Amino acid sequence: MNGSKFSQQMEILKRLGAATVHEALGQRGYVDSAIAPLDPKSRVAGRAYTVDCAEGDNLVIHYAISQAKPGDIVMVDYKKCMRAAAVGDLMAYSSLKRGLGGIVIDGAVRDTAPIVEMGFPMFARGLCITGPTKSEAGKVNLPIILGGCIVQPGDIVVGDCDGLVVIPSADLDVVVQLAQARDDREAQVRRRIDSGATTVEILELADRLRRAGIDNAASST
């Protein structure tokens, strides 16, 4: 794929946001919402660099950070481990300097304040003050399950304060078009709201309200 086109697509997806992309994808690719950004202002969109990691150990994550390409999102299956932080501020700083797009950990991280201050996007299941070991084997660039979602190497990851969604790489062009079309429709809805219309009118919900007995109940009070 043309590098310029890909970069433009990532900016579009980052701007549109995870929720819009998730809907455009047919509500697929959903990552467990317990995995959230340390900084709610974080927005990411990039290729997945996948990591299968032993819980409580981060040796292979150091390797992954050294090998991932600029813009990649390092996706780490840390087995939901909360007894030791997989990543801290020095690893985040190294990732930032190498131009990585972000790190997603299905487990704990630490050094929240400096990571947020440096502006590096970090998503995690939670926090733990304890550090990991550096001795266990791990693997990179293979399919993983992260937060209940299957992630293939090279899939597209979009994330923000609403959550994370994973787009199969083959679906990228279609999903970008569908997400943009959805955003355009929502802009039209906002204009109608500005003109005084209600969401009941815009979404044509009157019949559903009547069938549910809501309209009658409201009319009788």
Protein backbone atom coordinates (compact mmCIF):
# COMPACT_ATOMS: atom_id res chain seq x y z
CA MET A 1 0.00 0.00 0.00
CA ASN A 2 1.13 3.53 -0.77
CA GLY A 3 2.71 4.97 2.37
CA SER A 4 1.09 8.36 1.95
CA LYS A 5 -2.36 6.83 1.49
CA PHE A 6 -1.90 4.64 4.57
CA SER A 7 -0.83 7.61 6.68
CA GLN A 8 -3.88 9.56 5.55
CA GLN A 9 -6.14 6.62 6.39
CA MET A 10 -4.65 6.38 9.89
CA GLU A 11 -5.28 10.08 10.48
CA ILE A 12 -8.88 9.68 9.31
CA LEU A 13 -9.46 6.71 11.62
CA LYS A 14 -7.82 8.49 14.54
CA ARG A 15 -10.06 11.53 13.98
CA LEU A 16 -13.26 9.50 13.56
CA GLY A 17 -12.57 7.49 16.70
CA ALA A 18 -12.94 3.94 17.92
CA ALA A 19 -16.72 3.96 18.41
CA THR A 20 -17.44 5.11 14.85
CA VAL A 21 -14.95 2.61 13.44
CA HIS A 22 -16.47 -0.18 15.54
CA GLU A 23 -19.92 0.56 14.09
CA ALA A 24 -18.51 0.75 10.56
CA LEU A 25 -16.95 -2.67 11.12
CA GLY A 26 -20.36 -4.15 11.91
CA GLN A 27 -19.70 -4.01 15.67
CA ARG A 28 -16.81 -6.44 15.34
CA GLY A 29 -13.22 -6.20 16.55
CA TYR A 30 -14.14 -5.08 20.04
CA VAL A 31 -11.41 -5.22 22.72
CA ASP A 32 -12.42 -5.64 26.37
CA SER A 33 -13.26 -2.14 27.66
CA ALA A 34 -11.27 -2.83 30.84
CA ILE A 35 -8.20 -2.10 28.70
CA ALA A 36 -8.18 1.70 28.68
CA PRO A 37 -5.77 4.58 28.00
CA LEU A 38 -3.75 6.01 30.88
CA ASP A 39 -4.52 9.43 29.40
CA PRO A 40 -8.12 9.83 28.17
CA LYS A 41 -6.85 12.25 25.52
CA SER A 42 -4.81 9.51 23.82
CA ARG A 43 -5.75 8.55 20.25
CA VAL A 44 -4.03 5.83 18.25
CA ALA A 45 -4.31 4.27 14.80
CA GLY A 46 -1.67 2.02 13.33
CA ARG A 47 -0.53 -1.49 12.45
CA ALA A 48 -0.46 -4.12 15.18
CA TYR A 49 2.90 -5.56 16.19
CA THR A 50 1.80 -8.56 18.21
CA VAL A 51 3.52 -9.97 21.30
CA ASP A 52 2.81 -13.18 23.21
CA CYS A 53 4.34 -12.62 26.64
CA ALA A 54 4.69 -14.72 29.77
CA GLU A 55 2.76 -13.17 32.65
CA GLY A 56 4.98 -11.30 35.07
CA ASP A 57 7.90 -11.08 32.62
CA ASN A 58 8.68 -8.42 30.00
CA LEU A 59 11.83 -9.69 28.28
CA VAL A 60 10.10 -10.14 24.91
CA ILE A 61 8.46 -6.71 25.17
CA HIS A 62 11.90 -5.09 25.22
CA TYR A 63 12.67 -7.02 22.03
CA ALA A 64 9.36 -6.00 20.44
CA ILE A 65 10.00 -2.31 21.11
CA SER A 66 13.41 -2.63 19.44
CA GLN A 67 11.91 -4.31 16.35
CA ALA A 68 8.56 -2.57 15.76
CA LYS A 69 8.43 0.05 13.04
CA PRO A 70 7.49 3.71 13.45
CA GLY A 71 3.74 4.08 13.80
CA ASP A 72 3.22 0.46 14.92
CA ILE A 73 1.01 -0.30 17.91
CA VAL A 74 2.67 -2.92 20.12
CA MET A 75 -0.12 -5.28 21.22
CA VAL A 76 0.87 -7.43 24.21
CA ASP A 77 -0.99 -10.49 25.44
CA TYR A 78 0.21 -10.32 29.07
CA LYS A 79 -2.40 -12.88 30.18
CA LYS A 80 -4.32 -10.26 32.20
CA CYS A 81 -1.45 -10.26 34.70
CA MET A 82 -1.94 -7.66 37.44
CA ARG A 83 0.78 -8.76 39.88
CA ALA A 84 3.64 -7.09 37.97
CA ALA A 85 3.78 -4.15 35.58
CA ALA A 86 4.75 -5.13 32.03
CA VAL A 87 5.90 -1.64 31.03
CA GLY A 88 7.09 1.50 32.80
CA ASP A 89 8.20 4.98 31.84
CA LEU A 90 11.64 4.05 30.43
CA MET A 91 10.16 1.55 27.99
CA ALA A 92 7.50 4.09 27.06
CA TYR A 93 10.20 6.72 26.52
CA SER A 94 12.19 4.34 24.29
CA SER A 95 9.00 3.62 22.32
CA LEU A 96 8.32 7.34 21.94
CA LYS A 97 11.85 8.01 20.66
CA ARG A 98 11.57 5.15 18.19
CA GLY A 99 8.37 6.65 16.80
CA LEU A 100 6.02 3.85 17.82
CA GLY A 101 2.33 4.66 17.76
CA GLY A 102 1.45 3.24 21.16
CA ILE A 103 1.43 0.17 23.40
CA VAL A 104 -1.57 -1.91 24.46
CA ILE A 105 -1.09 -4.27 27.43
CA ASP A 106 -3.63 -6.87 28.54
CA GLY A 107 -2.34 -6.50 32.07
CA ALA A 108 -0.70 -3.95 34.34
CA VAL A 109 1.70 -1.05 33.76
CA ARG A 110 3.26 1.54 36.07
CA ASP A 111 4.78 5.05 36.09
CA THR A 112 1.49 6.56 34.97
CA ALA A 113 2.36 10.21 35.58
CA PRO A 114 5.57 10.38 33.51
CA ILE A 115 4.03 8.33 30.71
CA VAL A 116 1.08 10.71 30.49
CA GLU A 117 3.40 13.74 30.72
CA MET A 118 5.56 12.52 27.82
CA GLY A 119 2.43 12.08 25.69
CA PHE A 120 3.00 8.46 24.74
CA PRO A 121 -0.25 6.52 24.20
CA MET A 122 -0.40 3.61 26.66
CA PHE A 123 -3.44 1.36 27.10
CA ALA A 124 -3.61 -1.15 29.95
CA ARG A 125 -5.96 -3.26 32.04
CA GLY A 126 -4.70 -1.61 35.23
CA LEU A 127 -1.77 -0.52 37.35
CA CYS A 128 0.76 -2.31 39.55
CA ILE A 129 3.73 -0.86 41.40
CA THR A 130 5.73 -4.12 41.23
CA GLY A 131 8.22 -4.66 38.42
CA PRO A 132 8.47 -7.79 36.20
CA THR A 133 11.20 -10.35 35.68
CA LYS A 134 13.25 -10.47 32.47
CA SER A 135 13.93 -14.14 31.84
CA GLU A 136 10.98 -15.86 30.17
CA ALA A 137 10.64 -16.71 26.50
CA GLY A 138 7.99 -15.04 24.36
CA LYS A 139 6.99 -14.66 20.74
CA VAL A 140 6.32 -11.80 18.33
CA ASN A 141 4.46 -11.39 15.06
CA LEU A 142 1.93 -14.19 15.52
CA PRO A 143 -1.84 -14.21 16.11
CA ILE A 144 -2.79 -13.39 19.69
CA ILE A 145 -5.97 -12.94 21.69
CA LEU A 146 -5.98 -9.62 23.50
CA GLY A 147 -8.95 -8.55 25.56
CA GLY A 148 -11.06 -11.26 23.94
CA CYS A 149 -10.23 -10.07 20.42
CA ILE A 150 -8.15 -11.98 17.89
CA VAL A 151 -5.32 -9.77 16.63
CA GLN A 152 -3.27 -10.73 13.58
CA PRO A 153 0.12 -9.13 12.87
CA GLY A 154 -0.49 -6.11 10.64
CA ASP A 155 -4.13 -5.65 11.62
CA ILE A 156 -5.16 -2.04 12.17
CA VAL A 157 -5.70 -0.88 15.74
CA VAL A 158 -7.79 2.21 16.52
CA GLY A 159 -8.11 3.42 20.09
CA ASP A 160 -9.16 6.35 22.25
CA CYS A 161 -11.00 6.99 25.51
CA ASP A 162 -14.00 4.98 24.22
CA GLY A 163 -11.91 1.83 23.80
CA LEU A 164 -10.04 -0.19 21.20
CA VAL A 165 -11.12 -1.81 17.95
CA VAL A 166 -9.12 -4.07 15.63
CA ILE A 167 -9.67 -3.97 11.85
CA PRO A 168 -8.51 -6.91 9.70
CA SER A 169 -5.89 -5.48 7.35
CA ALA A 170 -7.79 -6.67 4.26
CA ASP A 171 -10.85 -4.63 5.33
CA LEU A 172 -9.05 -1.31 5.82
CA ASP A 173 -10.16 0.50 2.66
CA VAL A 174 -13.82 -0.48 3.08
CA VAL A 175 -13.90 0.37 6.78
CA VAL A 176 -12.39 3.81 6.20
CA GLN A 177 -15.11 4.53 3.62
CA LEU A 178 -17.91 3.22 5.85
CA ALA A 179 -16.63 5.08 8.90
CA GLN A 180 -16.40 8.35 6.97
CA ALA A 181 -19.92 7.83 5.59
CA ARG A 182 -21.23 7.21 9.10
CA ASP A 183 -19.55 10.37 10.36
CA ASP A 184 -21.12 12.34 7.47
CA ARG A 185 -24.57 11.00 8.39
CA GLU A 186 -24.06 11.97 12.02
CA ALA A 187 -23.11 15.48 10.92
CA GLN A 188 -26.46 15.69 9.10
CA VAL A 189 -28.23 14.55 12.28
CA ARG A 190 -26.52 17.30 14.28
CA ARG A 191 -27.68 19.88 11.75
CA ARG A 192 -31.28 18.65 12.11
CA ILE A 193 -30.96 18.80 15.91
CA ASP A 194 -29.68 22.36 15.57
CA SER A 195 -32.84 23.08 13.54
CA GLY A 196 -35.05 21.85 16.37
CA ALA A 197 -35.71 18.21 15.46
CA THR A 198 -35.64 15.53 18.17
CA THR A 199 -33.87 12.20 17.92
CA VAL A 200 -37.31 10.55 18.08
CA GLU A 201 -38.21 12.30 14.83
CA ILE A 202 -34.84 11.86 13.16
CA LEU A 203 -34.59 8.14 13.93
CA GLU A 204 -38.31 7.59 13.33
CA LEU A 205 -38.87 6.01 16.74
CA ALA A 206 -42.51 7.00 17.25
CA ASP A 207 -43.91 3.59 16.27
CA ARG A 208 -41.42 1.77 18.47
CA LEU A 209 -42.30 4.01 21.41
CA ARG A 210 -46.01 3.31 20.93
CA ARG A 211 -45.44 -0.45 20.69
CA ALA A 212 -43.42 -0.28 23.90
CA GLY A 213 -46.19 1.65 25.63
CA ILE A 214 -43.91 4.59 26.30
CA ASP A 215 -45.83 7.15 24.24
CA ASN A 216 -49.16 6.24 25.88
CA ALA A 217 -47.65 6.36 29.34
CA ALA A 218 -46.14 9.75 28.65
CA SER A 219 -49.44 11.07 27.25
CA SER A 220 -51.43 9.97 30.31
CA THR A 221 -49.25 11.70 32.90
